[in-house]
PDB file of N, CA and C in Angstrom:
ATOM      1  N   MET A   1      -5.445  -1.496  13.328  1.00  0.00           N
ATOM      2  CA  MET A   1      -4.049  -1.171  13.124  1.00  0.00           C
ATOM      3  C   MET A   1      -3.351  -2.391  12.537  1.00  0.00           C
ATOM      4  N   PRO A   2      -2.558  -2.217  11.490  1.00  0.00           N
ATOM      5  CA  PRO A   2      -1.887  -3.366  10.867  1.00  0.00           C
ATOM      6  C   PRO A   2      -0.781  -3.940  11.748  1.00  0.00           C
ATOM      7  N   VAL A   3      -0.397  -5.167  11.419  1.00  0.00           N
ATOM      8  CA  VAL A   3       0.765  -5.806  12.026  1.00  0.00           C
ATOM      9  C   VAL A   3       1.826  -5.892  10.947  1.00  0.00           C
ATOM     10  N   ILE A   4       3.036  -5.506  11.265  1.00  0.00           N
ATOM     11  CA  ILE A   4       4.140  -5.555  10.307  1.00  0.00           C
ATOM     12  C   ILE A   4       5.132  -6.596  10.792  1.00  0.00           C
ATOM     13  N   ILE A   5       5.495  -7.525   9.913  1.00  0.00           N
ATOM     14  CA  ILE A   5       6.551  -8.489  10.204  1.00  0.00           C
ATOM     15  C   ILE A   5       7.758  -8.068   9.386  1.00  0.00           C
ATOM     16  N   SER A   6       8.817  -7.706  10.060  1.00  0.00           N
ATOM     17  CA  SER A   6       9.999  -7.154   9.406  1.00  0.00           C
ATOM     18  C   SER A   6      11.017  -8.245   9.117  1.00  0.00           C
ATOM     19  N   LEU A   7      11.484  -8.291   7.874  1.00  0.00           N
ATOM     20  CA  LEU A   7      12.587  -9.169   7.490  1.00  0.00           C
ATOM     21  C   LEU A   7      13.873  -8.363   7.352  1.00  0.00           C
ATOM     22  N   SER A   8      13.844  -7.132   7.839  1.00  0.00           N
ATOM     23  CA  SER A   8      15.003  -6.242   7.739  1.00  0.00           C
ATOM     24  C   SER A   8      16.197  -6.839   8.460  1.00  0.00           C
ATOM     25  N   LYS A   9      17.359  -6.479   7.995  1.00  0.00           N
ATOM     26  CA  LYS A   9      18.589  -6.980   8.601  1.00  0.00           C
ATOM     27  C   LYS A   9      19.490  -5.794   8.907  1.00  0.00           C
ATOM     28  N   GLY A  10      20.136  -5.845  10.040  1.00  0.00           N
ATOM     29  CA  GLY A  10      21.109  -4.821  10.372  1.00  0.00           C
ATOM     30  C   GLY A  10      20.528  -3.695  11.200  1.00  0.00           C
ATOM     31  N   VAL A  11      21.351  -2.711  11.440  1.00  0.00           N
ATOM     32  CA  VAL A  11      20.976  -1.541  12.222  1.00  0.00           C
ATOM     33  C   VAL A  11      21.489  -0.299  11.512  1.00  0.00           C
ATOM     34  N   GLU A  12      20.979   0.840  11.916  1.00  0.00           N
ATOM     35  CA  GLU A  12      21.416   2.121  11.360  1.00  0.00           C
ATOM     36  C   GLU A  12      21.960   2.980  12.491  1.00  0.00           C
ATOM     37  N   ALA A  13      22.686   4.020  12.123  1.00  0.00           N
ATOM     38  CA  ALA A  13      23.197   4.975  13.106  1.00  0.00           C
ATOM     39  C   ALA A  13      22.356   6.235  13.060  1.00  0.00           C
ATOM     40  N   GLU A  14      22.140   6.820  14.222  1.00  0.00           N
ATOM     41  CA  GLU A  14      21.441   8.097  14.327  1.00  0.00           C
ATOM     42  C   GLU A  14      22.381   9.046  15.066  1.00  0.00           C
ATOM     43  N   LEU A  15      22.565  10.259  14.543  1.00  0.00           N
ATOM     44  CA  LEU A  15      23.528  11.185  15.130  1.00  0.00           C
ATOM     45  C   LEU A  15      22.904  12.237  16.034  1.00  0.00           C
ATOM     46  N   GLU A  16      21.634  12.552  15.832  1.00  0.00           N
ATOM     47  CA  GLU A  16      20.964  13.592  16.618  1.00  0.00           C
ATOM     48  C   GLU A  16      19.834  12.974  17.440  1.00  0.00           C
ATOM     49  N   PRO A  17      19.575  13.340  18.643  1.00  0.00           N
ATOM     50  CA  PRO A  17      20.263  14.383  19.401  1.00  0.00           C
ATOM     51  C   PRO A  17      21.620  13.931  19.928  1.00  0.00           C
ATOM     52  N   GLU A  18      21.888  12.617  19.930  1.00  0.00           N
ATOM     53  CA  GLU A  18      23.203  12.100  20.302  1.00  0.00           C
ATOM     54  C   GLU A  18      23.433  10.810  19.525  1.00  0.00           C
ATOM     55  N   PRO A  19      24.688  10.451  19.224  1.00  0.00           N
ATOM     56  CA  PRO A  19      24.953   9.231  18.449  1.00  0.00           C
ATOM     57  C   PRO A  19      24.422   7.983  19.156  1.00  0.00           C
ATOM     58  N   ARG A  20      23.730   7.130  18.384  1.00  0.00           N
ATOM     59  CA  ARG A  20      23.213   5.872  18.934  1.00  0.00           C
ATOM     60  C   ARG A  20      22.803   4.958  17.796  1.00  0.00           C
ATOM     61  N   ILE A  21      22.538   3.709  18.130  1.00  0.00           N
ATOM     62  CA  ILE A  21      22.078   2.700  17.170  1.00  0.00           C
ATOM     63  C   ILE A  21      20.562   2.770  17.092  1.00  0.00           C
ATOM     64  N   ILE A  22      20.022   2.608  15.888  1.00  0.00           N
ATOM     65  CA  ILE A  22      18.568   2.546  15.700  1.00  0.00           C
ATOM     66  C   ILE A  22      18.248   1.259  14.938  1.00  0.00           C
ATOM     67  N   THR A  23      17.268   0.510  15.422  1.00  0.00           N
ATOM     68  CA  THR A  23      16.934  -0.798  14.850  1.00  0.00           C
ATOM     69  C   THR A  23      15.920  -0.665  13.719  1.00  0.00           C
ATOM     70  N   PRO A  24      15.789  -1.701  12.867  1.00  0.00           N
ATOM     71  CA  PRO A  24      14.766  -1.674  11.820  1.00  0.00           C
ATOM     72  C   PRO A  24      13.361  -1.460  12.385  1.00  0.00           C
ATOM     73  N   THR A  25      13.070  -2.039  13.548  1.00  0.00           N
ATOM     74  CA  THR A  25      11.753  -1.859  14.155  1.00  0.00           C
ATOM     75  C   THR A  25      11.500  -0.392  14.485  1.00  0.00           C
ATOM     76  N   GLN A  26      12.498   0.293  15.014  1.00  0.00           N
ATOM     77  CA  GLN A  26      12.353   1.718  15.319  1.00  0.00           C
ATOM     78  C   GLN A  26      12.145   2.538  14.043  1.00  0.00           C
ATOM     79  N   ILE A  27      12.853   2.189  12.985  1.00  0.00           N
ATOM     80  CA  ILE A  27      12.706   2.895  11.709  1.00  0.00           C
ATOM     81  C   ILE A  27      11.290   2.713  11.171  1.00  0.00           C
ATOM     82  N   ILE A  28      10.772   1.484  11.215  1.00  0.00           N
ATOM     83  CA  ILE A  28       9.413   1.209  10.728  1.00  0.00           C
ATOM     84  C   ILE A  28       8.392   1.985  11.548  1.00  0.00           C
ATOM     85  N   ASN A  29       8.556   2.008  12.867  1.00  0.00           N
ATOM     86  CA  ASN A  29       7.640   2.742  13.740  1.00  0.00           C
ATOM     87  C   ASN A  29       7.608   4.222  13.376  1.00  0.00           C
ATOM     88  N   ARG A  30       8.753   4.811  13.189  1.00  0.00           N
ATOM     89  CA  ARG A  30       8.811   6.241  12.852  1.00  0.00           C
ATOM     90  C   ARG A  30       8.231   6.535  11.473  1.00  0.00           C
ATOM     91  N   ALA A  31       8.491   5.663  10.514  1.00  0.00           N
ATOM     92  CA  ALA A  31       8.041   5.909   9.141  1.00  0.00           C
ATOM     93  C   ALA A  31       6.551   5.666   8.949  1.00  0.00           C
ATOM     94  N   THR A  32       5.984   4.708   9.692  1.00  0.00           N
ATOM     95  CA  THR A  32       4.589   4.322   9.462  1.00  0.00           C
ATOM     96  C   THR A  32       3.635   4.771  10.556  1.00  0.00           C
ATOM     97  N   GLY A  33       4.141   4.998  11.752  1.00  0.00           N
ATOM     98  CA  GLY A  33       3.272   5.319  12.877  1.00  0.00           C
ATOM     99  C   GLY A  33       2.632   4.095  13.507  1.00  0.00           C
ATOM    100  N   VAL A  34       2.940   2.902  12.995  1.00  0.00           N
ATOM    101  CA  VAL A  34       2.418   1.661  13.575  1.00  0.00           C
ATOM    102  C   VAL A  34       3.082   1.470  14.939  1.00  0.00           C
ATOM    103  N   PRO A  35       2.297   1.198  15.996  1.00  0.00           N
ATOM    104  CA  PRO A  35       2.893   1.044  17.326  1.00  0.00           C
ATOM    105  C   PRO A  35       3.877  -0.123  17.385  1.00  0.00           C
ATOM    106  N   ASN A  36       4.875   0.006  18.244  1.00  0.00           N
ATOM    107  CA  ASN A  36       5.881  -1.049  18.379  1.00  0.00           C
ATOM    108  C   ASN A  36       5.265  -2.400  18.719  1.00  0.00           C
ATOM    109  N   GLU A  37       4.127  -2.418  19.417  1.00  0.00           N
ATOM    110  CA  GLU A  37       3.473  -3.684  19.765  1.00  0.00           C
ATOM    111  C   GLU A  37       3.000  -4.436  18.529  1.00  0.00           C
ATOM    112  N   ASN A  38       2.847  -3.744  17.405  1.00  0.00           N
ATOM    113  CA  ASN A  38       2.360  -4.365  16.175  1.00  0.00           C
ATOM    114  C   ASN A  38       3.474  -4.609  15.166  1.00  0.00           C
ATOM    115  N   ILE A  39       4.712  -4.439  15.584  1.00  0.00           N
ATOM    116  CA  ILE A  39       5.847  -4.677  14.693  1.00  0.00           C
ATOM    117  C   ILE A  39       6.622  -5.868  15.235  1.00  0.00           C
ATOM    118  N   LEU A  40       6.752  -6.902  14.425  1.00  0.00           N
ATOM    119  CA  LEU A  40       7.478  -8.112  14.805  1.00  0.00           C
ATOM    120  C   LEU A  40       8.725  -8.210  13.941  1.00  0.00           C
ATOM    121  N   TYR A  41       9.801  -8.704  14.525  1.00  0.00           N
ATOM    122  CA  TYR A  41      11.059  -8.830  13.808  1.00  0.00           C
ATOM    123  C   TYR A  41      11.348 -10.304  13.569  1.00  0.00           C
ATOM    124  N   LEU A  42      11.500 -10.684  12.318  1.00  0.00           N
ATOM    125  CA  LEU A  42      11.857 -12.051  11.955  1.00  0.00           C
ATOM    126  C   LEU A  42      13.313 -12.023  11.535  1.00  0.00           C
ATOM    127  N   GLY A  43      14.174 -12.619  12.335  1.00  0.00           N
ATOM    128  CA  GLY A  43      15.592 -12.531  12.023  1.00  0.00           C
ATOM    129  C   GLY A  43      16.357 -13.737  12.488  1.00  0.00           C
ATOM    130  N   GLY A  44      17.552 -13.784  12.063  1.00  0.00           N
ATOM    131  CA  GLY A  44      18.458 -14.853  12.413  1.00  0.00           C
ATOM    132  C   GLY A  44      19.710 -14.662  11.588  1.00  0.00           C
ATOM    133  N   PRO A  45      20.609 -15.601  11.627  1.00  0.00           N
ATOM    134  CA  PRO A  45      21.791 -15.453  10.788  1.00  0.00           C
ATOM    135  C   PRO A  45      21.367 -15.476   9.327  1.00  0.00           C
ATOM    136  N   ASN A  46      21.751 -14.529   8.575  1.00  0.00           N
ATOM    137  CA  ASN A  46      21.399 -14.319   7.170  1.00  0.00           C
ATOM    138  C   ASN A  46      20.465 -15.372   6.577  1.00  0.00           C
ATOM    139  N   ILE A  47      19.166 -15.143   6.736  1.00  0.00           N
ATOM    140  CA  ILE A  47      18.162 -16.104   6.275  1.00  0.00           C
ATOM    141  C   ILE A  47      17.603 -15.761   4.896  1.00  0.00           C
ATOM    142  N   ALA A  48      18.088 -14.689   4.284  1.00  0.00           N
ATOM    143  CA  ALA A  48      17.509 -14.236   3.021  1.00  0.00           C
ATOM    144  C   ALA A  48      17.592 -15.301   1.930  1.00  0.00           C
ATOM    145  N   SER A  49      18.737 -15.949   1.779  1.00  0.00           N
ATOM    146  CA  SER A  49      18.868 -16.932   0.696  1.00  0.00           C
ATOM    147  C   SER A  49      17.973 -18.142   0.937  1.00  0.00           C
ATOM    148  N   GLU A  50      17.820 -18.559   2.198  1.00  0.00           N
ATOM    149  CA  GLU A  50      16.949 -19.695   2.496  1.00  0.00           C
ATOM    150  C   GLU A  50      15.493 -19.369   2.172  1.00  0.00           C
ATOM    151  N   ILE A  51      15.056 -18.177   2.546  1.00  0.00           N
ATOM    152  CA  ILE A  51      13.686 -17.775   2.241  1.00  0.00           C
ATOM    153  C   ILE A  51      13.483 -17.718   0.733  1.00  0.00           C
ATOM    154  N   TYR A  52      14.414 -17.117   0.011  1.00  0.00           N
ATOM    155  CA  TYR A  52      14.309 -16.996  -1.441  1.00  0.00           C
ATOM    156  C   TYR A  52      14.230 -18.371  -2.102  1.00  0.00           C
ATOM    157  N   ASN A  53      14.991 -19.331  -1.605  1.00  0.00           N
ATOM    158  CA  ASN A  53      15.026 -20.675  -2.190  1.00  0.00           C
ATOM    159  C   ASN A  53      13.955 -21.606  -1.626  1.00  0.00           C
ATOM    160  N   ASN A  54      13.003 -21.055  -0.828  1.00  0.00           N
ATOM    161  CA  ASN A  54      11.938 -21.852  -0.210  1.00  0.00           C
ATOM    162  C   ASN A  54      12.488 -22.976   0.659  1.00  0.00           C
ATOM    163  N   GLU A  55      13.609 -22.712   1.336  1.00  0.00           N
ATOM    164  CA  GLU A  55      14.222 -23.690   2.221  1.00  0.00           C
ATOM    165  C   GLU A  55      13.902 -23.344   3.673  1.00  0.00           C
ATOM    166  N   TYR A  56      14.132 -24.300   4.555  1.00  0.00           N
ATOM    167  CA  TYR A  56      13.978 -24.034   5.981  1.00  0.00           C
ATOM    168  C   TYR A  56      15.045 -23.041   6.413  1.00  0.00           C
ATOM    169  N   ALA A  57      14.687 -22.176   7.337  1.00  0.00           N
ATOM    170  CA  ALA A  57      15.634 -21.183   7.838  1.00  0.00           C
ATOM    171  C   ALA A  57      15.558 -21.138   9.359  1.00  0.00           C
ATOM    172  N   ASN A  58      16.688 -20.987   9.988  1.00  0.00           N
ATOM    173  CA  ASN A  58      16.741 -20.853  11.441  1.00  0.00           C
ATOM    174  C   ASN A  58      16.488 -19.392  11.779  1.00  0.00           C
ATOM    175  N   ALA A  59      15.320 -19.099  12.328  1.00  0.00           N
ATOM    176  CA  ALA A  59      14.953 -17.708  12.589  1.00  0.00           C
ATOM    177  C   ALA A  59      14.133 -17.609  13.863  1.00  0.00           C
ATOM    178  N   ARG A  60      14.016 -16.378  14.347  1.00  0.00           N
ATOM    179  CA  ARG A  60      13.196 -16.094  15.521  1.00  0.00           C
ATOM    180  C   ARG A  60      12.159 -15.054  15.143  1.00  0.00           C
ATOM    181  N   LEU A  61      10.978 -15.159  15.725  1.00  0.00           N
ATOM    182  CA  LEU A  61       9.943 -14.144  15.560  1.00  0.00           C
ATOM    183  C   LEU A  61       9.753 -13.505  16.923  1.00  0.00           C
ATOM    184  N   CYS A  62      10.117 -12.237  17.061  1.00  0.00           N
ATOM    185  CA  CYS A  62      10.117 -11.566  18.361  1.00  0.00           C
ATOM    186  C   CYS A  62       9.169 -10.384  18.376  1.00  0.00           C
ATOM    187  N   ASP A  63       8.599 -10.128  19.545  1.00  0.00           N
ATOM    188  CA  ASP A  63       7.787  -8.933  19.720  1.00  0.00           C
ATOM    189  C   ASP A  63       8.437  -8.040  20.771  1.00  0.00           C
ATOM    190  N   LEU A  64       7.844  -6.879  20.997  1.00  0.00           N
ATOM    191  CA  LEU A  64       8.438  -5.874  21.870  1.00  0.00           C
ATOM    192  C   LEU A  64       8.500  -6.299  23.330  1.00  0.00           C
ATOM    193  N   LYS A  65       7.426  -6.872  23.858  1.00  0.00           N
ATOM    194  CA  LYS A  65       7.337  -7.136  25.294  1.00  0.00           C
ATOM    195  C   LYS A  65       8.202  -8.301  25.745  1.00  0.00           C
ATOM    196  N   SER A  66       8.020  -9.448  25.133  1.00  0.00           N
ATOM    197  CA  SER A  66       8.649 -10.655  25.661  1.00  0.00           C
ATOM    198  C   SER A  66       9.937 -11.023  24.954  1.00  0.00           C
ATOM    199  N   GLY A  67      10.202 -10.417  23.802  1.00  0.00           N
ATOM    200  CA  GLY A  67      11.360 -10.836  23.033  1.00  0.00           C
ATOM    201  C   GLY A  67      11.074 -12.093  22.236  1.00  0.00           C
ATOM    202  N   GLU A  68       9.922 -12.682  22.475  1.00  0.00           N
ATOM    203  CA  GLU A  68       9.517 -13.860  21.715  1.00  0.00           C
ATOM    204  C   GLU A  68       8.023 -13.753  21.448  1.00  0.00           C
ATOM    205  N   SER A  69       7.628 -14.030  20.243  1.00  0.00           N
ATOM    206  CA  SER A  69       6.252 -13.783  19.836  1.00  0.00           C
ATOM    207  C   SER A  69       5.246 -14.692  20.521  1.00  0.00           C
ATOM    208  N   HIS A  70       4.020 -14.197  20.582  1.00  0.00           N
ATOM    209  CA  HIS A  70       2.900 -14.985  21.088  1.00  0.00           C
ATOM    210  C   HIS A  70       2.187 -15.676  19.924  1.00  0.00           C
ATOM    211  N   TRP A  71       2.881 -15.877  18.826  1.00  0.00           N
ATOM    212  CA  TRP A  71       2.314 -16.539  17.648  1.00  0.00           C
ATOM    213  C   TRP A  71       2.912 -17.930  17.493  1.00  0.00           C
ATOM    214  N   PRO A  72       2.679 -18.862  18.426  1.00  0.00           N
ATOM    215  CA  PRO A  72       3.331 -20.171  18.330  1.00  0.00           C
ATOM    216  C   PRO A  72       2.955 -20.947  17.082  1.00  0.00           C
ATOM    217  N   SER A  73       1.741 -20.790  16.576  1.00  0.00           N
ATOM    218  CA  SER A  73       1.363 -21.544  15.380  1.00  0.00           C
ATOM    219  C   SER A  73       2.170 -21.089  14.175  1.00  0.00           C
ATOM    220  N   PHE A  74       2.514 -19.804  14.109  1.00  0.00           N
ATOM    221  CA  PHE A  74       3.339 -19.313  13.005  1.00  0.00           C
ATOM    222  C   PHE A  74       4.736 -19.916  13.085  1.00  0.00           C
ATOM    223  N   LYS A  75       5.314 -19.940  14.281  1.00  0.00           N
ATOM    224  CA  LYS A  75       6.668 -20.457  14.445  1.00  0.00           C
ATOM    225  C   LYS A  75       6.727 -21.964  14.253  1.00  0.00           C
ATOM    226  N   ALA A  76       5.663 -22.667  14.610  1.00  0.00           N
ATOM    227  CA  ALA A  76       5.683 -24.122  14.549  1.00  0.00           C
ATOM    228  C   ALA A  76       5.449 -24.653  13.143  1.00  0.00           C
ATOM    229  N   ALA A  77       4.935 -23.819  12.261  1.00  0.00           N
ATOM    230  CA  ALA A  77       4.664 -24.272  10.900  1.00  0.00           C
ATOM    231  C   ALA A  77       5.976 -24.626  10.211  1.00  0.00           C
ATOM    232  N   PRO A  78       5.987 -25.676   9.385  1.00  0.00           N
ATOM    233  CA  PRO A  78       7.240 -26.130   8.801  1.00  0.00           C
ATOM    234  C   PRO A  78       7.863 -25.146   7.810  1.00  0.00           C
ATOM    235  N   LEU A  79       7.052 -24.395   7.066  1.00  0.00           N
ATOM    236  CA  LEU A  79       7.627 -23.504   6.056  1.00  0.00           C
ATOM    237  C   LEU A  79       6.630 -22.415   5.719  1.00  0.00           C
ATOM    238  N   HIS A  80       7.080 -21.186   5.747  1.00  0.00           N
ATOM    239  CA  HIS A  80       6.257 -20.052   5.341  1.00  0.00           C
ATOM    240  C   HIS A  80       6.998 -19.287   4.271  1.00  0.00           C
ATOM    241  N   ARG A  81       6.265 -18.811   3.300  1.00  0.00           N
ATOM    242  CA  ARG A  81       6.854 -17.987   2.253  1.00  0.00           C
ATOM    243  C   ARG A  81       6.297 -16.586   2.378  1.00  0.00           C
ATOM    244  N   VAL A  82       7.121 -15.622   2.093  1.00  0.00           N
ATOM    245  CA  VAL A  82       6.679 -14.238   2.165  1.00  0.00           C
ATOM    246  C   VAL A  82       5.534 -14.042   1.187  1.00  0.00           C
ATOM    247  N   GLY A  83       4.432 -13.463   1.678  1.00  0.00           N
ATOM    248  CA  GLY A  83       3.299 -13.160   0.815  1.00  0.00           C
ATOM    249  C   GLY A  83       2.268 -14.271   0.700  1.00  0.00           C
ATOM    250  N   GLN A  84       2.474 -15.412   1.318  1.00  0.00           N
ATOM    251  CA  GLN A  84       1.518 -16.518   1.204  1.00  0.00           C
ATOM    252  C   GLN A  84       0.897 -16.823   2.555  1.00  0.00           C
ATOM    253  N   TRP A  85       0.135 -15.879   3.096  1.00  0.00           N
ATOM    254  CA  TRP A  85      -0.483 -16.074   4.395  1.00  0.00           C
ATOM    255  C   TRP A  85      -1.920 -16.147   4.193  1.00  0.00           C
TER     256      TRP A  85
END
């Protein structure tokens, strides 16, 4: 089963069966069928421009269970670019 790291930002509204907020992780789970345990959210205050410019960005990598990922080597690395793993 693949692991998805989401750079999505924001939330969506869902009206049925009752109005509520739906997160990017929930949207990815529904669209792909990938279990929530394999979806990680990389977020922070608008980090898109920093990532695009190959600059350091203040971000968190979170998983479903702990709210913080078990990937310390990924977080400790000085700089990661999307697509260069």
